[in-house]
Each structure stands twice: as C-alpha cells, then as structure tokens.
C-alpha cells in the first residue's frame, strides 16, 4: 500500500489527531528501541500529551531517571554541546552552504585558469593577475599543508586515509 504525502500542519479532526499521535508515538518508541539495540547505546524518551495525565516514558521510569541523572552530572558545556534551536540550525546550515559555495568558487577559478592556460589565453592582453594571485595563494596553502603533514608523519603521527 502506497503512502500519500502528508502536509505538516495541525490535524483538525480530534479523533484522527489522536490516532495519528498514537501511531507516530509507537513508531518513535520502536525507532528508539532499534537504535539502542543496533548501536548499543542508552536512550530514553519522555512524551507529554493531552491524551494521558502523566508523561509516557520509554523504556521505563528507572532507566529514564538513570539517564537523566547521568546527563545532569555532565558539565553544562557537554550537556548542551549538540543542542540547537531553530536559529542555531539555520545559522549552521548557512555556514555550511557558504563553505560549499567558497569551495565551488575556488574550483571554478582553478578550472578557468586551466582553460585559459590550455588555450594560451594567458599570453594575450587579458588581465588575469587577480586569478593568478588567488591560484598562487591556493598553491601556497596546499604546499604548507603538505609540508606540515610530512613533518607530522616523520614525528610519528599516524597516516590517515581520506574518505
């Protein structure tokens, strides 16, 4: 049976909303259980809803208490290291996109220089000093990084494979 596309907005019919909540909650608990089994890590869930008086806990009250105590014993920096609100998430996405854009710009500049060199366009009266300066800067940075890596390997640092 195929699934239809769901629009993410409040379900107006109360009975449908309750059924959807129950099914999604059960699915969430199942996913958390699979995560703990497959990855061998502790996890818990606390869900408050208007359909029950108290919170619904997974896997049980004692395990949830134990994990919350473990979390509260961590320093505040570690507790909140991966916590994000919508603003933080958007800022991170923007920074990642800016990094990708800069990488693409550098790649494009290098490709243009390669095309210009291949077509002997460098000899003509086209001013490409800015592109050549940027290319020289990139080459210098790569050269310095290679030299530093060679020194580190000679000093006993492990050789890492790039993925």
N, C-alpha and C. Protein backbone atom coordinates (compact mmCIF):
# COMPACT_ATOMS: atom_id res chain seq x y z
N UNK A 1 0.84 -1.16 0.00
CA UNK A 1 0.00 0.00 0.00
C UNK A 1 0.89 1.24 0.00
N UNK A 2 0.67 2.14 -0.90
CA UNK A 2 1.46 3.35 -1.01
C UNK A 2 1.11 4.37 0.05
N UNK A 3 2.03 5.24 0.30
CA UNK A 3 1.79 6.30 1.28
C UNK A 3 1.54 7.60 0.55
N UNK A 4 0.66 8.38 1.10
CA UNK A 4 0.40 9.66 0.48
C UNK A 4 1.22 10.73 1.18
N UNK A 5 1.44 11.81 0.48
CA UNK A 5 2.22 12.90 1.05
C UNK A 5 1.43 13.57 2.16
N UNK A 6 2.12 13.81 3.28
CA UNK A 6 1.48 14.40 4.44
C UNK A 6 1.89 15.86 4.54
N UNK A 7 0.91 16.74 4.69
CA UNK A 7 1.24 18.14 4.94
C UNK A 7 1.38 18.30 6.44
N UNK A 8 2.44 18.93 6.88
CA UNK A 8 2.72 19.06 8.30
C UNK A 8 2.01 20.29 8.86
N UNK A 9 0.81 20.05 9.33
CA UNK A 9 0.02 21.08 9.97
C UNK A 9 -0.90 20.38 10.96
N UNK A 10 -1.50 21.14 11.84
CA UNK A 10 -2.36 20.56 12.86
C UNK A 10 -3.53 19.84 12.21
N UNK A 11 -3.77 18.61 12.67
CA UNK A 11 -4.90 17.83 12.17
C UNK A 11 -6.15 18.33 12.88
N UNK A 12 -7.11 18.78 12.11
CA UNK A 12 -8.29 19.43 12.71
C UNK A 12 -9.23 18.44 13.39
N UNK A 13 -9.39 17.24 12.85
CA UNK A 13 -10.29 16.25 13.44
C UNK A 13 -9.61 15.61 14.65
N UNK A 14 -10.25 15.73 15.82
CA UNK A 14 -9.65 15.27 17.07
C UNK A 14 -9.40 13.76 17.07
N UNK A 15 -10.34 12.98 16.55
CA UNK A 15 -10.18 11.53 16.54
C UNK A 15 -9.01 11.13 15.65
N UNK A 16 -8.91 11.74 14.48
CA UNK A 16 -7.81 11.45 13.57
C UNK A 16 -6.48 11.87 14.18
N UNK A 17 -6.48 13.03 14.86
CA UNK A 17 -5.27 13.51 15.51
C UNK A 17 -4.81 12.53 16.58
N UNK A 18 -5.75 12.01 17.36
CA UNK A 18 -5.41 11.05 18.43
C UNK A 18 -4.83 9.77 17.84
N UNK A 19 -5.43 9.26 16.79
CA UNK A 19 -4.93 8.04 16.16
C UNK A 19 -3.54 8.27 15.57
N UNK A 20 -3.37 9.40 14.89
CA UNK A 20 -2.06 9.73 14.31
C UNK A 20 -1.01 9.86 15.40
N UNK A 21 -1.37 10.52 16.50
CA UNK A 21 -0.43 10.66 17.62
C UNK A 21 -0.01 9.29 18.13
N UNK A 22 -0.99 8.41 18.37
CA UNK A 22 -0.68 7.09 18.92
C UNK A 22 0.24 6.31 17.99
N UNK A 23 -0.07 6.32 16.69
CA UNK A 23 0.74 5.57 15.73
C UNK A 23 2.16 6.13 15.64
N UNK A 24 2.28 7.44 15.58
CA UNK A 24 3.61 8.06 15.47
C UNK A 24 4.41 7.88 16.75
N UNK A 25 3.72 7.95 17.90
CA UNK A 25 4.39 7.74 19.18
C UNK A 25 4.92 6.31 19.25
N UNK A 26 4.10 5.35 18.86
CA UNK A 26 4.55 3.96 18.86
C UNK A 26 5.72 3.77 17.90
N UNK A 27 5.66 4.42 16.75
CA UNK A 27 6.76 4.34 15.79
C UNK A 27 8.04 4.95 16.34
N UNK A 28 7.90 6.06 17.06
CA UNK A 28 9.06 6.71 17.67
C UNK A 28 9.68 5.81 18.73
N UNK A 29 8.85 5.22 19.58
CA UNK A 29 9.38 4.31 20.60
C UNK A 29 10.07 3.11 19.94
N UNK A 30 9.51 2.61 18.86
CA UNK A 30 10.12 1.48 18.15
C UNK A 30 11.48 1.88 17.60
N UNK A 31 11.58 3.07 17.01
CA UNK A 31 12.86 3.55 16.46
C UNK A 31 13.91 3.69 17.56
N UNK A 32 13.51 4.21 18.72
CA UNK A 32 14.46 4.37 19.82
C UNK A 32 14.92 3.00 20.30
N UNK A 33 14.01 2.06 20.39
CA UNK A 33 14.38 0.69 20.80
C UNK A 33 15.38 0.09 19.81
N UNK A 34 15.12 0.24 18.50
CA UNK A 34 16.04 -0.27 17.48
C UNK A 34 17.40 0.40 17.59
N UNK A 35 17.42 1.70 17.83
CA UNK A 35 18.66 2.44 17.97
C UNK A 35 19.48 1.91 19.14
N UNK A 36 18.84 1.67 20.27
CA UNK A 36 19.57 1.17 21.43
C UNK A 36 20.10 -0.23 21.18
N UNK A 37 19.36 -1.05 20.48
CA UNK A 37 19.80 -2.43 20.22
C UNK A 37 20.92 -2.45 19.18
N UNK A 38 20.71 -1.77 18.06
CA UNK A 38 21.68 -1.82 16.96
C UNK A 38 22.98 -1.10 17.27
N UNK A 39 22.90 0.00 17.99
CA UNK A 39 24.09 0.81 18.25
C UNK A 39 24.64 0.61 19.65
N UNK A 40 23.94 -0.12 20.49
CA UNK A 40 24.41 -0.41 21.83
C UNK A 40 24.59 0.82 22.68
N UNK A 41 23.66 1.74 22.59
CA UNK A 41 23.78 2.96 23.39
C UNK A 41 22.52 3.15 24.21
N UNK A 42 22.67 3.84 25.34
CA UNK A 42 21.48 4.08 26.16
C UNK A 42 20.66 5.23 25.60
N UNK A 43 19.35 5.10 25.65
CA UNK A 43 18.46 6.16 25.18
C UNK A 43 17.14 6.05 25.93
N UNK A 44 16.45 7.16 25.99
CA UNK A 44 15.13 7.16 26.61
C UNK A 44 14.27 8.21 25.92
N UNK A 45 12.98 8.15 26.19
CA UNK A 45 12.06 9.14 25.62
C UNK A 45 11.02 9.50 26.67
N UNK A 46 10.66 10.77 26.67
CA UNK A 46 9.60 11.27 27.55
C UNK A 46 8.64 12.06 26.66
N UNK A 47 7.38 11.64 26.65
CA UNK A 47 6.39 12.32 25.82
C UNK A 47 5.21 12.74 26.68
N UNK A 48 4.94 14.03 26.66
CA UNK A 48 3.75 14.57 27.32
C UNK A 48 2.69 14.76 26.25
N UNK A 49 1.46 14.40 26.59
CA UNK A 49 0.37 14.62 25.63
C UNK A 49 -0.90 14.98 26.38
N UNK A 50 -1.85 15.47 25.63
CA UNK A 50 -3.14 15.82 26.22
C UNK A 50 -4.01 14.58 26.39
N UNK A 51 -3.54 13.43 25.91
CA UNK A 51 -4.35 12.22 25.96
C UNK A 51 -4.10 11.39 27.22
N UNK A 52 -3.02 11.69 27.93
CA UNK A 52 -2.72 10.97 29.17
C UNK A 52 -2.44 11.99 30.26
N UNK A 53 -2.69 11.61 31.52
CA UNK A 53 -2.48 12.53 32.63
C UNK A 53 -1.00 12.81 32.87
N UNK A 54 -0.18 11.79 32.83
CA UNK A 54 1.25 11.96 33.08
C UNK A 54 2.05 11.73 31.81
N UNK A 55 3.36 11.83 31.94
CA UNK A 55 4.21 11.58 30.76
C UNK A 55 4.27 10.09 30.42
N UNK A 56 4.52 9.81 29.15
CA UNK A 56 4.76 8.43 28.74
C UNK A 56 6.26 8.26 28.61
N UNK A 57 6.80 7.23 29.24
CA UNK A 57 8.24 7.03 29.29
C UNK A 57 8.63 5.78 28.54
N UNK A 58 9.79 5.84 27.93
CA UNK A 58 10.37 4.64 27.32
C UNK A 58 11.81 4.56 27.75
N UNK A 59 12.34 3.47 28.16
CA UNK A 59 11.74 2.15 28.31
C UNK A 59 10.96 2.01 29.61
N UNK A 60 11.47 2.61 30.72
CA UNK A 60 10.73 2.58 31.98
C UNK A 60 11.24 3.73 32.86
N UNK A 61 10.55 3.97 33.96
CA UNK A 61 10.86 5.09 34.83
C UNK A 61 12.28 5.02 35.37
N UNK A 62 12.72 3.84 35.81
CA UNK A 62 14.06 3.72 36.39
C UNK A 62 15.15 4.03 35.38
N UNK A 63 15.00 3.54 34.16
CA UNK A 63 16.01 3.79 33.11
C UNK A 63 16.04 5.27 32.73
N UNK A 64 14.87 5.89 32.65
CA UNK A 64 14.81 7.32 32.33
C UNK A 64 15.48 8.13 33.43
N UNK A 65 15.18 7.81 34.69
CA UNK A 65 15.83 8.51 35.82
C UNK A 65 17.34 8.35 35.77
N UNK A 66 17.78 7.13 35.52
CA UNK A 66 19.21 6.86 35.48
C UNK A 66 19.90 7.69 34.38
N UNK A 67 19.30 7.75 33.19
CA UNK A 67 19.90 8.51 32.10
C UNK A 67 19.86 10.01 32.36
N UNK A 68 18.76 10.50 32.94
CA UNK A 68 18.68 11.93 33.26
C UNK A 68 19.69 12.31 34.35
N UNK A 69 19.89 11.43 35.33
CA UNK A 69 20.92 11.68 36.35
C UNK A 69 22.30 11.71 35.72
N UNK A 70 22.54 10.78 34.80
CA UNK A 70 23.84 10.74 34.10
C UNK A 70 24.06 12.04 33.31
N UNK A 71 23.01 12.52 32.65
CA UNK A 71 23.11 13.77 31.90
C UNK A 71 23.36 14.95 32.83
N UNK A 72 22.67 15.00 33.96
CA UNK A 72 22.81 16.15 34.86
C UNK A 72 24.18 16.20 35.52
N UNK A 73 24.88 15.08 35.59
CA UNK A 73 26.22 15.06 36.18
C UNK A 73 27.29 15.59 35.22
N UNK A 74 26.95 15.66 33.94
CA UNK A 74 27.90 16.19 32.97
C UNK A 74 28.04 17.70 33.13
N UNK A 75 29.20 18.26 32.74
CA UNK A 75 29.31 19.71 32.74
C UNK A 75 28.32 20.33 31.75
N UNK A 76 27.92 21.57 32.02
CA UNK A 76 26.90 22.24 31.19
C UNK A 76 27.33 22.28 29.73
N UNK A 77 28.63 22.48 29.46
CA UNK A 77 29.11 22.55 28.07
C UNK A 77 28.82 21.25 27.33
N UNK A 78 29.04 20.11 28.00
CA UNK A 78 28.78 18.83 27.34
C UNK A 78 27.29 18.54 27.23
N UNK A 79 26.53 19.01 28.20
CA UNK A 79 25.08 18.79 28.15
C UNK A 79 24.45 19.48 26.95
N UNK A 80 24.94 20.67 26.65
CA UNK A 80 24.31 21.48 25.61
C UNK A 80 25.10 21.52 24.31
N UNK A 81 26.15 20.71 24.20
CA UNK A 81 27.03 20.78 23.03
C UNK A 81 26.28 20.61 21.72
N UNK A 82 25.38 19.67 21.65
CA UNK A 82 24.68 19.38 20.40
C UNK A 82 23.24 19.89 20.38
N UNK A 83 22.86 20.66 21.38
CA UNK A 83 21.50 21.20 21.41
C UNK A 83 21.42 22.42 20.50
N UNK A 84 20.35 22.49 19.74
CA UNK A 84 20.15 23.61 18.82
C UNK A 84 18.70 24.02 18.84
N UNK A 85 18.49 25.31 18.67
CA UNK A 85 17.15 25.77 18.40
C UNK A 85 17.07 26.06 16.90
N UNK A 86 15.95 26.55 16.45
CA UNK A 86 15.76 26.78 15.02
C UNK A 86 16.79 27.77 14.47
N UNK A 87 17.08 28.82 15.26
CA UNK A 87 18.05 29.83 14.82
C UNK A 87 19.44 29.23 14.67
N UNK A 88 19.86 28.42 15.65
CA UNK A 88 21.18 27.78 15.57
C UNK A 88 21.27 26.86 14.36
N UNK A 89 20.21 26.09 14.13
CA UNK A 89 20.20 25.19 12.99
C UNK A 89 20.32 25.94 11.67
N UNK A 90 19.57 27.02 11.54
CA UNK A 90 19.63 27.81 10.31
C UNK A 90 21.01 28.43 10.12
N UNK A 91 21.61 28.95 11.22
CA UNK A 91 22.96 29.51 11.12
C UNK A 91 23.97 28.47 10.69
N UNK A 92 23.84 27.25 11.23
CA UNK A 92 24.76 26.17 10.85
C UNK A 92 24.58 25.82 9.37
N UNK A 93 23.33 25.76 8.92
CA UNK A 93 23.07 25.45 7.52
C UNK A 93 23.63 26.54 6.61
N UNK A 94 23.50 27.80 7.03
CA UNK A 94 24.03 28.91 6.24
C UNK A 94 25.55 28.83 6.16
N UNK A 95 26.21 28.56 7.29
CA UNK A 95 27.67 28.45 7.30
C UNK A 95 28.14 27.31 6.40
N UNK A 96 27.45 26.17 6.48
CA UNK A 96 27.80 25.04 5.63
C UNK A 96 27.63 25.38 4.15
N UNK A 97 26.55 26.07 3.83
CA UNK A 97 26.31 26.46 2.44
C UNK A 97 27.36 27.45 1.96
N UNK A 98 27.76 28.39 2.85
CA UNK A 98 28.80 29.34 2.48
C UNK A 98 30.14 28.64 2.24
N UNK A 99 30.46 27.64 3.05
CA UNK A 99 31.69 26.87 2.84
C UNK A 99 31.66 26.15 1.49
N UNK A 100 30.52 25.51 1.19
CA UNK A 100 30.39 24.81 -0.10
C UNK A 100 30.50 25.78 -1.26
N UNK A 101 29.89 26.97 -1.11
CA UNK A 101 29.95 27.99 -2.16
C UNK A 101 31.39 28.45 -2.38
N UNK A 102 32.11 28.71 -1.31
CA UNK A 102 33.51 29.14 -1.44
C UNK A 102 34.36 28.05 -2.10
N UNK A 103 34.10 26.82 -1.74
CA UNK A 103 34.83 25.70 -2.36
C UNK A 103 34.53 25.63 -3.85
N UNK A 104 33.27 25.81 -4.21
CA UNK A 104 32.90 25.79 -5.62
C UNK A 104 33.51 26.97 -6.37
N UNK A 105 33.56 28.14 -5.72
CA UNK A 105 34.18 29.30 -6.36
C UNK A 105 35.66 29.04 -6.63
N UNK A 106 36.35 28.45 -5.65
CA UNK A 106 37.76 28.14 -5.84
C UNK A 106 37.95 27.13 -6.96
N UNK A 107 37.08 26.13 -7.01
CA UNK A 107 37.16 25.13 -8.07
C UNK A 107 36.91 25.78 -9.43
N UNK A 108 35.93 26.65 -9.51
CA UNK A 108 35.62 27.34 -10.76
C UNK A 108 36.79 28.21 -11.21
N UNK A 109 37.41 28.93 -10.26
CA UNK A 109 38.57 29.75 -10.60
C UNK A 109 39.70 28.89 -11.16
N UNK A 110 39.94 27.75 -10.50
CA UNK A 110 41.00 26.86 -10.96
C UNK A 110 40.70 26.32 -12.36
N UNK A 111 39.44 25.99 -12.59
CA UNK A 111 39.05 25.48 -13.92
C UNK A 111 39.23 26.56 -14.98
N UNK A 112 38.85 27.79 -14.66
CA UNK A 112 39.01 28.89 -15.62
C UNK A 112 40.48 29.10 -15.95
N UNK A 113 41.33 29.06 -14.90
CA UNK A 113 42.77 29.23 -15.14
C UNK A 113 43.31 28.10 -16.02
N UNK A 114 42.84 26.90 -15.76
CA UNK A 114 43.27 25.76 -16.57
C UNK A 114 42.85 25.91 -18.01
N UNK A 115 41.61 26.37 -18.23
CA UNK A 115 41.15 26.58 -19.59
C UNK A 115 41.93 27.70 -20.28
N UNK A 116 42.21 28.75 -19.51
CA UNK A 116 42.97 29.86 -20.09
C UNK A 116 44.38 29.40 -20.47
N UNK A 117 44.98 28.61 -19.60
CA UNK A 117 46.33 28.12 -19.88
C UNK A 117 46.33 27.16 -21.06
N UNK A 118 45.30 26.31 -21.13
CA UNK A 118 45.23 25.33 -22.22
C UNK A 118 45.01 26.02 -23.56
N UNK A 119 44.30 27.14 -23.57
CA UNK A 119 44.02 27.82 -24.83
C UNK A 119 45.02 28.95 -25.09
N UNK A 120 46.10 28.98 -24.30
CA UNK A 120 47.13 30.02 -24.43
C UNK A 120 46.55 31.41 -24.29
N UNK A 121 45.49 31.54 -23.53
CA UNK A 121 44.85 32.83 -23.29
C UNK A 121 45.68 33.69 -22.35
N UNK A 122 46.62 33.07 -21.64
CA UNK A 122 47.45 33.82 -20.69
C UNK A 122 48.41 34.76 -21.41
N UNK A 123 48.71 34.44 -22.65
CA UNK A 123 49.67 35.24 -23.40
C UNK A 123 49.02 36.51 -23.94
N UNK A 124 47.73 36.45 -24.17
CA UNK A 124 47.03 37.62 -24.73
C UNK A 124 47.01 38.76 -23.73
N UNK A 125 46.42 39.83 -24.10
CA UNK A 125 46.40 41.02 -23.26
C UNK A 125 45.31 40.97 -22.19
N UNK A 126 44.72 39.78 -21.92
CA UNK A 126 43.71 39.63 -20.87
C UNK A 126 44.39 39.74 -19.51
N UNK A 127 43.85 40.59 -18.65
CA UNK A 127 44.42 40.76 -17.32
C UNK A 127 43.85 39.68 -16.40
N UNK A 128 44.69 38.73 -16.05
CA UNK A 128 44.26 37.65 -15.16
C UNK A 128 45.14 37.61 -13.91
N UNK A 129 45.71 38.75 -13.55
CA UNK A 129 46.61 38.80 -12.40
C UNK A 129 45.89 38.44 -11.11
N UNK A 130 44.62 38.83 -10.99
CA UNK A 130 43.87 38.50 -9.77
C UNK A 130 43.69 37.00 -9.65
N UNK A 131 43.31 36.34 -10.75
CA UNK A 131 43.14 34.89 -10.72
C UNK A 131 44.46 34.19 -10.45
N UNK A 132 45.54 34.67 -11.05
CA UNK A 132 46.84 34.06 -10.82
C UNK A 132 47.28 34.24 -9.37
N UNK A 133 47.00 35.40 -8.79
CA UNK A 133 47.35 35.63 -7.38
C UNK A 133 46.56 34.69 -6.47
N UNK A 134 45.28 34.50 -6.77
CA UNK A 134 44.46 33.58 -5.98
C UNK A 134 44.95 32.15 -6.14
N UNK A 135 45.30 31.78 -7.37
CA UNK A 135 45.81 30.43 -7.61
C UNK A 135 47.13 30.23 -6.87
N UNK A 136 47.99 31.23 -6.89
CA UNK A 136 49.26 31.14 -6.18
C UNK A 136 49.02 30.99 -4.68
N UNK A 137 48.03 31.70 -4.16
CA UNK A 137 47.69 31.61 -2.74
C UNK A 137 47.22 30.20 -2.39
N UNK A 138 46.37 29.63 -3.24
CA UNK A 138 45.88 28.26 -3.03
C UNK A 138 47.04 27.28 -3.06
N UNK A 139 47.93 27.43 -4.03
CA UNK A 139 49.08 26.54 -4.14
C UNK A 139 49.97 26.66 -2.91
N UNK A 140 50.19 27.89 -2.43
CA UNK A 140 51.00 28.10 -1.23
C UNK A 140 50.37 27.42 -0.01
N UNK A 141 49.06 27.57 0.15
CA UNK A 141 48.37 26.94 1.28
C UNK A 141 48.49 25.42 1.22
N UNK A 142 48.27 24.86 0.03
CA UNK A 142 48.39 23.41 -0.14
C UNK A 142 49.81 22.95 0.15
N UNK A 143 50.78 23.71 -0.35
CA UNK A 143 52.19 23.37 -0.14
C UNK A 143 52.53 23.37 1.35
N UNK A 144 52.09 24.39 2.09
CA UNK A 144 52.34 24.46 3.52
C UNK A 144 51.67 23.30 4.25
N UNK A 145 50.44 22.97 3.85
CA UNK A 145 49.74 21.86 4.49
C UNK A 145 50.46 20.54 4.24
N UNK A 146 50.99 20.35 3.05
CA UNK A 146 51.73 19.12 2.73
C UNK A 146 53.01 19.05 3.56
N UNK A 147 53.72 20.15 3.66
CA UNK A 147 54.97 20.19 4.44
C UNK A 147 54.67 19.88 5.91
N UNK A 148 53.61 20.49 6.46
CA UNK A 148 53.23 20.22 7.85
C UNK A 148 52.87 18.76 8.05
N UNK A 149 52.16 18.19 7.09
CA UNK A 149 51.76 16.79 7.20
C UNK A 149 52.98 15.87 7.14
N UNK A 150 53.93 16.17 6.28
CA UNK A 150 55.15 15.37 6.17
C UNK A 150 55.90 15.41 7.50
N UNK A 151 56.02 16.61 8.08
CA UNK A 151 56.70 16.75 9.37
C UNK A 151 55.98 15.95 10.45
N UNK A 152 54.66 16.01 10.45
CA UNK A 152 53.89 15.28 11.46
C UNK A 152 54.08 13.77 11.31
N UNK A 153 54.09 13.28 10.08
CA UNK A 153 54.28 11.84 9.85
C UNK A 153 55.69 11.43 10.26
N UNK A 154 56.67 12.26 9.95
CA UNK A 154 58.04 11.97 10.35
C UNK A 154 58.20 11.97 11.87
N UNK A 155 57.38 12.76 12.55
CA UNK A 155 57.43 12.82 14.01
C UNK A 155 56.67 11.67 14.66
N UNK A 156 56.01 10.85 13.85
CA UNK A 156 55.32 9.68 14.39
C UNK A 156 53.82 9.73 14.36
N UNK A 157 53.24 10.74 13.77
CA UNK A 157 51.78 10.82 13.67
C UNK A 157 51.28 9.73 12.72
N UNK A 158 50.13 9.16 13.00
CA UNK A 158 49.60 8.12 12.12
C UNK A 158 49.22 8.67 10.75
N UNK A 159 49.36 7.85 9.74
CA UNK A 159 48.95 8.23 8.39
C UNK A 159 47.47 7.91 8.27
N UNK A 160 46.69 8.92 7.97
CA UNK A 160 45.24 8.75 7.88
C UNK A 160 44.80 8.70 6.44
N UNK A 161 43.82 7.83 6.16
CA UNK A 161 43.25 7.77 4.81
C UNK A 161 42.15 8.79 4.69
N UNK A 162 42.09 9.47 3.59
CA UNK A 162 40.99 10.41 3.31
C UNK A 162 39.85 9.64 2.71
N UNK A 163 38.64 10.01 3.12
CA UNK A 163 37.46 9.33 2.57
C UNK A 163 36.79 10.19 1.55
